[in-house]
Amino acid sequence: AQTHDDGSAEYEVEMILNSKIDRRSNDPITRKKGLLRYLVKWKGFPDSDNSWNDWPNMLHCPGEVQRFHEAYPAKPGPHELF
């Protein structure tokens, strides 16, 4: 992770491992029930740091999202705004 002057870390997506629909949450944009989430492997971090991220947090890496869905077309997503 790169560290900024303010001490915050910038995490870089190495790859997307999985996707799911969280039925307990609503989409922040469409307000529909069900929130698309991605399991992310972070570059330079161990698998224990992999984390689920809401789809709006993935807008900065559309290439990774596209590669994931091309490799796993049966998985949930991509969101209509990608």
C-alpha atoms as a PDB file:
ATOM      1  CA  ALA A   1       0.000   0.000   0.000  1.00  0.00           C
ATOM      2  CA  GLN A   2       1.163   3.492  -0.746  1.00  0.00           C
ATOM      3  CA  THR A   3       1.167   5.851   2.200  1.00  0.00           C
ATOM      4  CA  HIS A   4       0.032   9.440   1.715  1.00  0.00           C
ATOM      5  CA  ASP A   5       1.401  12.476   3.553  1.00  0.00           C
ATOM      6  CA  ASP A   6      -1.565  12.357   5.929  1.00  0.00           C
ATOM      7  CA  GLY A   7      -0.666   8.791   6.922  1.00  0.00           C
ATOM      8  CA  SER A   8      -3.573   7.136   5.118  1.00  0.00           C
ATOM      9  CA  ALA A   9      -2.871   4.039   3.052  1.00  0.00           C
ATOM     10  CA  GLU A  10      -3.965   3.519  -0.531  1.00  0.00           C
ATOM     11  CA  TYR A  11      -4.929  -0.049  -1.297  1.00  0.00           C
ATOM     12  CA  GLU A  12      -4.537  -1.400  -4.821  1.00  0.00           C
ATOM     13  CA  VAL A  13      -6.786  -4.179  -6.087  1.00  0.00           C
ATOM     14  CA  GLU A  14      -4.735  -7.203  -7.147  1.00  0.00           C
ATOM     15  CA  MET A  15      -7.759  -9.199  -8.238  1.00  0.00           C
ATOM     16  CA  ILE A  16     -11.430  -9.811  -7.543  1.00  0.00           C
ATOM     17  CA  LEU A  17     -12.054 -13.275  -6.137  1.00  0.00           C
ATOM     18  CA  ASN A  18     -15.843 -13.461  -5.848  1.00  0.00           C
ATOM     19  CA  SER A  19     -19.106 -11.528  -5.964  1.00  0.00           C
ATOM     20  CA  LYS A  20     -22.401 -11.815  -4.120  1.00  0.00           C
ATOM     21  CA  ILE A  21     -25.669 -10.025  -3.532  1.00  0.00           C
ATOM     22  CA  ASP A  22     -26.160  -8.939   0.077  1.00  0.00           C
ATOM     23  CA  ARG A  23     -29.935  -9.261   0.456  1.00  0.00           C
ATOM     24  CA  ARG A  24     -29.912  -7.436   3.811  1.00  0.00           C
ATOM     25  CA  SER A  25     -28.800  -4.175   2.199  1.00  0.00           C
ATOM     26  CA  ASN A  26     -30.232  -1.833  -0.415  1.00  0.00           C
ATOM     27  CA  ASP A  27     -28.302  -0.567  -3.419  1.00  0.00           C
ATOM     28  CA  PRO A  28     -27.137   3.012  -2.643  1.00  0.00           C
ATOM     29  CA  ILE A  29     -27.886   4.228  -6.187  1.00  0.00           C
ATOM     30  CA  THR A  30     -30.998   2.353  -7.353  1.00  0.00           C
ATOM     31  CA  ARG A  31     -32.428   1.898  -3.821  1.00  0.00           C
ATOM     32  CA  LYS A  32     -33.436  -1.642  -4.822  1.00  0.00           C
ATOM     33  CA  LYS A  33     -33.114  -4.475  -2.327  1.00  0.00           C
ATOM     34  CA  GLY A  34     -29.840  -6.335  -2.715  1.00  0.00           C
ATOM     35  CA  LEU A  35     -26.340  -4.859  -2.740  1.00  0.00           C
ATOM     36  CA  LEU A  36     -23.663  -6.226  -5.093  1.00  0.00           C
ATOM     37  CA  ARG A  37     -20.401  -6.853  -3.249  1.00  0.00           C
ATOM     38  CA  TYR A  38     -16.946  -8.015  -4.390  1.00  0.00           C
ATOM     39  CA  LEU A  39     -14.341 -10.045  -2.521  1.00  0.00           C
ATOM     40  CA  VAL A  40     -11.022  -8.284  -3.153  1.00  0.00           C
ATOM     41  CA  LYS A  41      -7.430  -9.518  -2.898  1.00  0.00           C
ATOM     42  CA  TRP A  42      -5.282  -6.448  -2.122  1.00  0.00           C
ATOM     43  CA  LYS A  43      -1.875  -6.088  -3.774  1.00  0.00           C
ATOM     44  CA  GLY A  44       0.960  -6.615  -1.294  1.00  0.00           C
ATOM     45  CA  PHE A  45      -1.291  -7.959   1.479  1.00  0.00           C
ATOM     46  CA  PRO A  46      -1.897 -11.531   2.687  1.00  0.00           C
ATOM     47  CA  ASP A  47      -5.138 -13.400   1.958  1.00  0.00           C
ATOM     48  CA  SER A  48      -6.171 -12.765   5.565  1.00  0.00           C
ATOM     49  CA  ASP A  49      -6.678  -9.105   4.539  1.00  0.00           C
ATOM     50  CA  ASN A  50      -9.045  -9.961   1.655  1.00  0.00           C
ATOM     51  CA  SER A  51     -12.296  -8.068   2.156  1.00  0.00           C
ATOM     52  CA  TRP A  52     -15.826  -7.704   0.802  1.00  0.00           C
ATOM     53  CA  ASN A  53     -16.469  -4.289  -0.772  1.00  0.00           C
ATOM     54  CA  ASP A  54     -19.678  -2.667  -1.997  1.00  0.00           C
ATOM     55  CA  TRP A  55     -19.743  -2.189  -5.775  1.00  0.00           C
ATOM     56  CA  PRO A  56     -19.488   1.654  -5.679  1.00  0.00           C
ATOM     57  CA  ASN A  57     -16.073   1.226  -4.022  1.00  0.00           C
ATOM     58  CA  MET A  58     -14.947  -0.667  -7.141  1.00  0.00           C
ATOM     59  CA  LEU A  59     -15.675   2.095  -9.672  1.00  0.00           C
ATOM     60  CA  HIS A  60     -11.967   3.037  -9.665  1.00  0.00           C
ATOM     61  CA  CYS A  61     -10.994  -0.359 -11.147  1.00  0.00           C
ATOM     62  CA  PRO A  62     -13.470  -1.173 -13.944  1.00  0.00           C
ATOM     63  CA  GLY A  63     -10.865  -3.341 -15.711  1.00  0.00           C
ATOM     64  CA  GLU A  64     -10.643  -5.709 -12.749  1.00  0.00           C
ATOM     65  CA  VAL A  65     -14.441  -5.900 -12.549  1.00  0.00           C
ATOM     66  CA  GLN A  66     -14.670  -6.659 -16.282  1.00  0.00           C
ATOM     67  CA  ARG A  67     -11.960  -9.367 -16.078  1.00  0.00           C
ATOM     68  CA  PHE A  68     -13.739 -11.016 -13.143  1.00  0.00           C
ATOM     69  CA  HIS A  69     -17.105 -11.133 -14.930  1.00  0.00           C
ATOM     70  CA  GLU A  70     -15.536 -12.408 -18.166  1.00  0.00           C
ATOM     71  CA  ALA A  71     -13.897 -15.236 -16.198  1.00  0.00           C
ATOM     72  CA  TYR A  72     -16.985 -15.971 -14.050  1.00  0.00           C
ATOM     73  CA  PRO A  73     -20.082 -15.043 -16.089  1.00  0.00           C
ATOM     74  CA  ALA A  74     -22.445 -16.930 -13.750  1.00  0.00           C
ATOM     75  CA  LYS A  75     -21.458 -14.829 -10.718  1.00  0.00           C
ATOM     76  CA  PRO A  76     -23.690 -11.904  -9.657  1.00  0.00           C
ATOM     77  CA  GLY A  77     -23.051  -8.621 -11.456  1.00  0.00           C
ATOM     78  CA  PRO A  78     -21.803  -6.464 -12.958  1.00  0.00           C
ATOM     79  CA  HIS A  79     -23.883  -3.527 -11.787  1.00  0.00           C
ATOM     80  CA  GLU A  80     -25.797  -1.669 -14.508  1.00  0.00           C
ATOM     81  CA  LEU A  81     -23.589   1.411 -13.940  1.00  0.00           C
ATOM     82  CA  PHE A  82     -20.338  -0.356 -14.865  1.00  0.00           C
END
